[in-house]
PDB file of N, CA and C in Angstrom:
ATOM      1  N   MET A   1     -18.859  -0.982  16.098  1.00  0.00           N
ATOM      2  CA  MET A   1     -17.597  -0.718  15.536  1.00  0.00           C
ATOM      3  C   MET A   1     -17.221   0.789  15.300  1.00  0.00           C
ATOM      4  N   THR A   2     -16.274   1.360  15.870  1.00  0.00           N
ATOM      5  CA  THR A   2     -15.870   2.884  15.855  1.00  0.00           C
ATOM      6  C   THR A   2     -15.390   3.157  14.484  1.00  0.00           C
ATOM      7  N   ARG A   3     -15.253   4.253  14.193  1.00  0.00           N
ATOM      8  CA  ARG A   3     -14.722   4.701  12.908  1.00  0.00           C
ATOM      9  C   ARG A   3     -13.187   4.512  12.797  1.00  0.00           C
ATOM     10  N   LEU A   4     -12.390   4.473  14.028  1.00  0.00           N
ATOM     11  CA  LEU A   4     -11.043   4.108  13.917  1.00  0.00           C
ATOM     12  C   LEU A   4     -11.027   2.613  13.658  1.00  0.00           C
ATOM     13  N   ALA A   5     -11.786   1.902  14.334  1.00  0.00           N
ATOM     14  CA  ALA A   5     -11.743   0.493  14.149  1.00  0.00           C
ATOM     15  C   ALA A   5     -12.049  -0.141  12.748  1.00  0.00           C
ATOM     16  N   LYS A   6     -12.731   0.673  12.101  1.00  0.00           N
ATOM     17  CA  LYS A   6     -13.190   0.423  10.754  1.00  0.00           C
ATOM     18  C   LYS A   6     -11.933   0.776   9.911  1.00  0.00           C
ATOM     19  N   LEU A   7     -11.141   1.844  10.147  1.00  0.00           N
ATOM     20  CA  LEU A   7     -10.135   2.261   9.414  1.00  0.00           C
ATOM     21  C   LEU A   7      -9.125   1.081   9.460  1.00  0.00           C
ATOM     22  N   TYR A   8      -8.760   0.714  11.066  1.00  0.00           N
ATOM     23  CA  TYR A   8      -7.851  -0.343  10.977  1.00  0.00           C
ATOM     24  C   TYR A   8      -8.269  -1.457  10.305  1.00  0.00           C
ATOM     25  N   ARG A   9      -9.355  -1.908  10.267  1.00  0.00           N
ATOM     26  CA  ARG A   9      -9.874  -3.159   9.504  1.00  0.00           C
ATOM     27  C   ARG A   9      -9.521  -2.875   8.133  1.00  0.00           C
ATOM     28  N   LYS A  10      -9.758  -1.847   7.542  1.00  0.00           N
ATOM     29  CA  LYS A  10      -9.415  -1.359   6.198  1.00  0.00           C
ATOM     30  C   LYS A  10      -8.276  -1.538   5.837  1.00  0.00           C
ATOM     31  N   MET A  11      -7.141  -1.097   6.877  1.00  0.00           N
ATOM     32  CA  MET A  11      -5.718  -1.155   6.630  1.00  0.00           C
ATOM     33  C   MET A  11      -5.318  -2.691   6.540  1.00  0.00           C
ATOM     34  N   LEU A  12      -5.930  -3.505   7.675  1.00  0.00           N
ATOM     35  CA  LEU A  12      -5.510  -4.883   7.664  1.00  0.00           C
ATOM     36  C   LEU A  12      -5.854  -5.781   6.544  1.00  0.00           C
ATOM     37  N   ASP A  13      -7.083  -5.229   5.823  1.00  0.00           N
ATOM     38  CA  ASP A  13      -7.403  -5.922   4.608  1.00  0.00           C
ATOM     39  C   ASP A  13      -6.788  -5.367   3.302  1.00  0.00           C
ATOM     40  N   LYS A  14      -5.681  -4.567   3.712  1.00  0.00           N
ATOM     41  CA  LYS A  14      -4.997  -4.046   2.668  1.00  0.00           C
ATOM     42  C   LYS A  14      -5.675  -3.300   1.437  1.00  0.00           C
ATOM     43  N   ARG A  15      -6.813  -2.586   1.995  1.00  0.00           N
ATOM     44  CA  ARG A  15      -7.507  -1.853   1.042  1.00  0.00           C
ATOM     45  C   ARG A  15      -6.683  -0.590   0.990  1.00  0.00           C
ATOM     46  N   GLY A  16      -6.854   0.427   0.113  1.00  0.00           N
ATOM     47  CA  GLY A  16      -5.967   1.616   0.037  1.00  0.00           C
ATOM     48  C   GLY A  16      -6.570   2.545   0.895  1.00  0.00           C
ATOM     49  N   LEU A  17      -5.609   3.319   1.707  1.00  0.00           N
ATOM     50  CA  LEU A  17      -5.963   4.293   2.493  1.00  0.00           C
ATOM     51  C   LEU A  17      -5.492   5.757   2.130  1.00  0.00           C
ATOM     52  N   THR A  18      -6.411   6.588   2.384  1.00  0.00           N
ATOM     53  CA  THR A  18      -6.120   8.046   1.863  1.00  0.00           C
ATOM     54  C   THR A  18      -4.944   8.433   2.752  1.00  0.00           C
ATOM     55  N   PHE A  19      -4.333   9.262   2.665  1.00  0.00           N
ATOM     56  CA  PHE A  19      -2.988   9.856   3.428  1.00  0.00           C
ATOM     57  C   PHE A  19      -3.799  10.270   4.714  1.00  0.00           C
ATOM     58  N   ALA A  20      -4.917  11.047   4.752  1.00  0.00           N
ATOM     59  CA  ALA A  20      -5.656  11.545   5.984  1.00  0.00           C
ATOM     60  C   ALA A  20      -6.043  10.505   6.986  1.00  0.00           C
ATOM     61  N   GLU A  21      -6.373   9.469   6.358  1.00  0.00           N
ATOM     62  CA  GLU A  21      -6.859   8.183   7.244  1.00  0.00           C
ATOM     63  C   GLU A  21      -5.576   7.553   7.798  1.00  0.00           C
ATOM     64  N   PHE A  22      -4.637   7.347   7.047  1.00  0.00           N
ATOM     65  CA  PHE A  22      -3.343   6.903   7.589  1.00  0.00           C
ATOM     66  C   PHE A  22      -2.835   7.608   8.824  1.00  0.00           C
ATOM     67  N   CYS A  23      -2.707   9.051   8.554  1.00  0.00           N
ATOM     68  CA  CYS A  23      -2.245   9.990   9.660  1.00  0.00           C
ATOM     69  C   CYS A  23      -3.170   9.776  10.781  1.00  0.00           C
ATOM     70  N   ARG A  24      -4.499   9.719  10.752  1.00  0.00           N
ATOM     71  CA  ARG A  24      -5.439   9.420  11.885  1.00  0.00           C
ATOM     72  C   ARG A  24      -5.063   8.116  12.626  1.00  0.00           C
ATOM     73  N   LEU A  25      -4.868   6.987  11.945  1.00  0.00           N
ATOM     74  CA  LEU A  25      -4.416   5.780  12.417  1.00  0.00           C
ATOM     75  C   LEU A  25      -3.102   5.861  13.178  1.00  0.00           C
ATOM     76  N   LEU A  26      -2.165   6.625  12.467  1.00  0.00           N
ATOM     77  CA  LEU A  26      -0.663   6.828  13.289  1.00  0.00           C
ATOM     78  C   LEU A  26      -1.104   7.453  14.622  1.00  0.00           C
ATOM     79  N   GLU A  27      -1.981   8.519  14.761  1.00  0.00           N
ATOM     80  CA  GLU A  27      -2.166   9.127  16.064  1.00  0.00           C
ATOM     81  C   GLU A  27      -3.085   8.199  16.983  1.00  0.00           C
ATOM     82  N   ALA A  28      -3.907   7.413  16.268  1.00  0.00           N
ATOM     83  CA  ALA A  28      -4.642   6.573  17.184  1.00  0.00           C
ATOM     84  C   ALA A  28      -3.902   5.303  17.994  1.00  0.00           C
ATOM     85  N   PHE A  29      -2.641   5.223  17.154  1.00  0.00           N
ATOM     86  CA  PHE A  29      -1.646   4.149  17.656  1.00  0.00           C
ATOM     87  C   PHE A  29      -0.763   4.728  18.638  1.00  0.00           C
ATOM     88  N   GLY A  30      -0.861   6.110  19.087  1.00  0.00           N
ATOM     89  CA  GLY A  30      -0.030   6.645  19.997  1.00  0.00           C
ATOM     90  C   GLY A  30       1.276   7.570  19.428  1.00  0.00           C
ATOM     91  N   TYR A  31       1.079   7.747  17.993  1.00  0.00           N
ATOM     92  CA  TYR A  31       2.116   8.570  17.312  1.00  0.00           C
ATOM     93  C   TYR A  31       1.650  10.048  17.485  1.00  0.00           C
ATOM     94  N   VAL A  32       2.545  10.983  17.709  1.00  0.00           N
ATOM     95  CA  VAL A  32       2.371  12.292  17.511  1.00  0.00           C
ATOM     96  C   VAL A  32       3.094  13.116  16.433  1.00  0.00           C
ATOM     97  N   GLN A  33       2.410  13.959  15.841  1.00  0.00           N
ATOM     98  CA  GLN A  33       3.187  14.622  14.713  1.00  0.00           C
ATOM     99  C   GLN A  33       4.039  15.746  15.322  1.00  0.00           C
ATOM    100  N   VAL A  34       5.373  15.614  14.917  1.00  0.00           N
ATOM    101  CA  VAL A  34       6.450  16.563  15.516  1.00  0.00           C
ATOM    102  C   VAL A  34       6.986  17.471  14.648  1.00  0.00           C
ATOM    103  N   ARG A  35       6.959  16.899  13.095  1.00  0.00           N
ATOM    104  CA  ARG A  35       7.557  18.014  12.184  1.00  0.00           C
ATOM    105  C   ARG A  35       6.802  17.924  10.830  1.00  0.00           C
ATOM    106  N   THR A  36       6.947  18.956  10.258  1.00  0.00           N
ATOM    107  CA  THR A  36       6.515  18.892   8.875  1.00  0.00           C
ATOM    108  C   THR A  36       7.600  19.701   7.908  1.00  0.00           C
ATOM    109  N   ARG A  37       8.025  19.106   6.665  1.00  0.00           N
ATOM    110  CA  ARG A  37       8.718  19.758   5.849  1.00  0.00           C
ATOM    111  C   ARG A  37       7.964  19.443   4.493  1.00  0.00           C
ATOM    112  N   GLY A  38       7.718  20.389   3.948  1.00  0.00           N
ATOM    113  CA  GLY A  38       6.768  20.176   2.718  1.00  0.00           C
ATOM    114  C   GLY A  38       5.882  19.275   2.940  1.00  0.00           C
ATOM    115  N   SER A  39       5.789  17.934   2.091  1.00  0.00           N
ATOM    116  CA  SER A  39       4.781  17.122   2.022  1.00  0.00           C
ATOM    117  C   SER A  39       5.152  15.754   3.059  1.00  0.00           C
ATOM    118  N   HIS A  40       6.319  16.007   3.822  1.00  0.00           N
ATOM    119  CA  HIS A  40       6.886  14.974   4.611  1.00  0.00           C
ATOM    120  C   HIS A  40       6.382  15.374   5.995  1.00  0.00           C
ATOM    121  N   LEU A  41       5.644  14.362   6.721  1.00  0.00           N
ATOM    122  CA  LEU A  41       5.334  14.571   8.020  1.00  0.00           C
ATOM    123  C   LEU A  41       6.131  13.616   8.772  1.00  0.00           C
ATOM    124  N   ALA A  42       6.452  14.028   9.966  1.00  0.00           N
ATOM    125  CA  ALA A  42       7.174  13.113  11.146  1.00  0.00           C
ATOM    126  C   ALA A  42       6.371  12.854  12.149  1.00  0.00           C
ATOM    127  N   PHE A  43       6.005  11.676  12.528  1.00  0.00           N
ATOM    128  CA  PHE A  43       5.243  11.229  13.814  1.00  0.00           C
ATOM    129  C   PHE A  43       6.229  10.327  14.465  1.00  0.00           C
ATOM    130  N   ARG A  44       6.148  10.761  15.787  1.00  0.00           N
ATOM    131  CA  ARG A  44       6.870  10.017  16.841  1.00  0.00           C
ATOM    132  C   ARG A  44       6.196   9.288  17.983  1.00  0.00           C
ATOM    133  N   ASN A  45       6.343   8.188  18.291  1.00  0.00           N
ATOM    134  CA  ASN A  45       5.958   7.305  19.374  1.00  0.00           C
ATOM    135  C   ASN A  45       6.847   7.332  20.512  1.00  0.00           C
ATOM    136  N   ALA A  46       6.739   8.069  21.504  1.00  0.00           N
ATOM    137  CA  ALA A  46       7.720   8.124  22.544  1.00  0.00           C
ATOM    138  C   ALA A  46       7.864   6.871  23.317  1.00  0.00           C
ATOM    139  N   ALA A  47       6.765   6.037  23.512  1.00  0.00           N
ATOM    140  CA  ALA A  47       6.761   4.850  24.167  1.00  0.00           C
ATOM    141  C   ALA A  47       7.716   3.756  23.727  1.00  0.00           C
ATOM    142  N   ILE A  48       7.662   3.733  22.551  1.00  0.00           N
ATOM    143  CA  ILE A  48       8.388   2.590  21.644  1.00  0.00           C
ATOM    144  C   ILE A  48       9.918   3.286  20.997  1.00  0.00           C
ATOM    145  N   GLY A  49       9.888   4.407  21.160  1.00  0.00           N
ATOM    146  CA  GLY A  49      11.099   5.275  20.490  1.00  0.00           C
ATOM    147  C   GLY A  49      11.116   5.036  18.958  1.00  0.00           C
ATOM    148  N   ASP A  50      10.155   5.276  18.363  1.00  0.00           N
ATOM    149  CA  ASP A  50      10.028   5.260  16.884  1.00  0.00           C
ATOM    150  C   ASP A  50       9.515   6.350  16.192  1.00  0.00           C
ATOM    151  N   THR A  51      10.155   6.681  15.093  1.00  0.00           N
ATOM    152  CA  THR A  51       9.759   7.843  14.337  1.00  0.00           C
ATOM    153  C   THR A  51       9.433   7.299  12.929  1.00  0.00           C
ATOM    154  N   ARG A  52       8.243   7.881  12.364  1.00  0.00           N
ATOM    155  CA  ARG A  52       7.890   7.561  11.227  1.00  0.00           C
ATOM    156  C   ARG A  52       7.754   8.815  10.259  1.00  0.00           C
ATOM    157  N   ILE A  53       8.447   8.747   9.204  1.00  0.00           N
ATOM    158  CA  ILE A  53       8.532   9.983   8.203  1.00  0.00           C
ATOM    159  C   ILE A  53       7.530   9.359   7.201  1.00  0.00           C
ATOM    160  N   VAL A  54       6.623   9.982   6.891  1.00  0.00           N
ATOM    161  CA  VAL A  54       5.414   9.553   5.928  1.00  0.00           C
ATOM    162  C   VAL A  54       4.899  10.833   5.010  1.00  0.00           C
ATOM    163  N   GLN A  55       4.796  10.530   3.508  1.00  0.00           N
ATOM    164  CA  GLN A  55       4.357  11.396   2.650  1.00  0.00           C
ATOM    165  C   GLN A  55       3.400  10.709   1.714  1.00  0.00           C
ATOM    166  N   PRO A  56       2.471  11.735   1.061  1.00  0.00           N
ATOM    167  CA  PRO A  56       1.314  11.114   0.509  1.00  0.00           C
ATOM    168  C   PRO A  56       1.735  10.798  -1.080  1.00  0.00           C
ATOM    169  N   ARG A  57       0.977   9.874  -1.808  1.00  0.00           N
ATOM    170  CA  ARG A  57       1.322   9.875  -3.224  1.00  0.00           C
ATOM    171  C   ARG A  57       0.156  10.181  -3.698  1.00  0.00           C
ATOM    172  N   GLY A  58      -0.139  11.292  -4.165  1.00  0.00           N
ATOM    173  CA  GLY A  58      -1.436  12.110  -4.449  1.00  0.00           C
ATOM    174  C   GLY A  58      -2.083  12.208  -3.124  1.00  0.00           C
ATOM    175  N   LYS A  59      -3.338  11.736  -3.043  1.00  0.00           N
ATOM    176  CA  LYS A  59      -3.974  11.921  -1.781  1.00  0.00           C
ATOM    177  C   LYS A  59      -4.012  10.591  -0.876  1.00  0.00           C
ATOM    178  N   ASP A  60      -3.186   9.536  -1.600  1.00  0.00           N
ATOM    179  CA  ASP A  60      -3.234   8.261  -0.907  1.00  0.00           C
ATOM    180  C   ASP A  60      -1.995   8.025  -0.063  1.00  0.00           C
ATOM    181  N   ALA A  61      -2.090   7.133   1.003  1.00  0.00           N
ATOM    182  CA  ALA A  61      -1.009   6.709   1.631  1.00  0.00           C
ATOM    183  C   ALA A  61       0.036   5.692   0.724  1.00  0.00           C
ATOM    184  N   LYS A  62       1.333   5.587   0.881  1.00  0.00           N
ATOM    185  CA  LYS A  62       2.055   4.968   0.140  1.00  0.00           C
ATOM    186  C   LYS A  62       1.938   3.441   0.911  1.00  0.00           C
ATOM    187  N   PRO A  63       1.718   2.419   0.082  1.00  0.00           N
ATOM    188  CA  PRO A  63       1.329   1.118   0.458  1.00  0.00           C
ATOM    189  C   PRO A  63       2.683   0.502   1.215  1.00  0.00           C
ATOM    190  N   TYR A  64       3.900   0.849   0.904  1.00  0.00           N
ATOM    191  CA  TYR A  64       5.096   0.315   1.704  1.00  0.00           C
ATOM    192  C   TYR A  64       5.136   0.918   3.076  1.00  0.00           C
ATOM    193  N   GLN A  65       4.766   2.290   3.223  1.00  0.00           N
ATOM    194  CA  GLN A  65       4.437   2.986   4.580  1.00  0.00           C
ATOM    195  C   GLN A  65       3.618   2.203   5.378  1.00  0.00           C
ATOM    196  N   VAL A  66       2.458   1.917   4.691  1.00  0.00           N
ATOM    197  CA  VAL A  66       1.318   1.232   5.524  1.00  0.00           C
ATOM    198  C   VAL A  66       1.743  -0.003   5.956  1.00  0.00           C
ATOM    199  N   GLU A  67       2.637  -0.883   4.939  1.00  0.00           N
ATOM    200  CA  GLU A  67       2.990  -2.174   5.449  1.00  0.00           C
ATOM    201  C   GLU A  67       4.122  -2.139   6.674  1.00  0.00           C
ATOM    202  N   GLN A  68       4.976  -1.062   6.546  1.00  0.00           N
ATOM    203  CA  GLN A  68       5.865  -0.937   7.437  1.00  0.00           C
ATOM    204  C   GLN A  68       5.297  -0.620   8.950  1.00  0.00           C
ATOM    205  N   PHE A  69       4.326   0.135   8.829  1.00  0.00           N
ATOM    206  CA  PHE A  69       3.287   0.395   9.893  1.00  0.00           C
ATOM    207  C   PHE A  69       2.841  -0.714  10.683  1.00  0.00           C
ATOM    208  N   LEU A  70       2.202  -1.486   9.746  1.00  0.00           N
ATOM    209  CA  LEU A  70       1.656  -2.776  10.270  1.00  0.00           C
ATOM    210  C   LEU A  70       2.666  -3.873  10.866  1.00  0.00           C
ATOM    211  N   ASP A  71       3.770  -3.694  10.429  1.00  0.00           N
ATOM    212  CA  ASP A  71       5.171  -4.536  11.040  1.00  0.00           C
ATOM    213  C   ASP A  71       5.280  -4.069  12.316  1.00  0.00           C
ATOM    214  N   ILE A  72       5.263  -2.789  12.475  1.00  0.00           N
ATOM    215  CA  ILE A  72       5.631  -2.125  14.028  1.00  0.00           C
ATOM    216  C   ILE A  72       4.311  -2.592  14.951  1.00  0.00           C
ATOM    217  N   ILE A  73       3.190  -2.287  14.267  1.00  0.00           N
ATOM    218  CA  ILE A  73       2.075  -2.727  15.302  1.00  0.00           C
ATOM    219  C   ILE A  73       2.226  -4.004  15.863  1.00  0.00           C
ATOM    220  N   GLU A  74       2.556  -5.018  14.801  1.00  0.00           N
ATOM    221  CA  GLU A  74       2.732  -6.282  15.544  1.00  0.00           C
ATOM    222  C   GLU A  74       3.898  -6.716  16.233  1.00  0.00           C
ATOM    223  N   ALA A  75       5.081  -5.890  15.918  1.00  0.00           N
ATOM    224  CA  ALA A  75       6.226  -6.164  16.594  1.00  0.00           C
ATOM    225  C   ALA A  75       6.181  -5.783  18.184  1.00  0.00           C
ATOM    226  N   TYR A  76       5.698  -4.419  18.202  1.00  0.00           N
ATOM    227  CA  TYR A  76       5.560  -3.918  19.640  1.00  0.00           C
ATOM    228  C   TYR A  76       4.296  -4.151  20.257  1.00  0.00           C
ATOM    229  N   GLY A  77       3.245  -4.717  19.575  1.00  0.00           N
ATOM    230  CA  GLY A  77       1.954  -5.144  20.281  1.00  0.00           C
ATOM    231  C   GLY A  77       1.254  -3.841  20.636  1.00  0.00           C
ATOM    232  N   LEU A  78       1.189  -2.935  19.596  1.00  0.00           N
ATOM    233  CA  LEU A  78       0.500  -1.554  19.848  1.00  0.00           C
ATOM    234  C   LEU A  78      -1.040  -2.086  19.844  1.00  0.00           C
ATOM    235  N   THR A  79      -1.757  -1.199  20.578  1.00  0.00           N
ATOM    236  CA  THR A  79      -3.277  -1.215  20.452  1.00  0.00           C
ATOM    237  C   THR A  79      -3.870  -0.021  20.169  1.00  0.00           C
ATOM    238  N   LEU A  80      -5.016  -0.041  19.550  1.00  0.00           N
ATOM    239  CA  LEU A  80      -5.683   1.088  19.175  1.00  0.00           C
ATOM    240  C   LEU A  80      -6.425   1.808  20.281  1.00  0.00           C
ATOM    241  N   SER A  81      -6.250   3.141  20.360  1.00  0.00           N
ATOM    242  CA  SER A  81      -6.751   3.841  21.483  1.00  0.00           C
ATOM    243  C   SER A  81      -7.683   4.984  20.804  1.00  0.00           C
ATOM    244  N   ASP A  82      -8.838   4.965  21.291  1.00  0.00           N
ATOM    245  CA  ASP A  82     -10.021   5.847  20.787  1.00  0.00           C
ATOM    246  C   ASP A  82      -9.670   7.049  21.473  1.00  0.00           C
TER     247      ASP A  82
END
């Protein structure tokens, strides 16, 4: 099992992700960072036309943003690319 697969499993199990892990998963699912404004990062997936604005809570990812991302993965059938 690759590191990204382990991170994905961690996200599916609803265990807390660090913000860096969350950003890695966004990129692994085809998102590209397009902008930074302070602590807010914008990631865009051109294939599905979706933009995610994410920001950390301390050093962790915000749980509601992780949930929204899981919904996007399911709705569009995104797959993990190593």
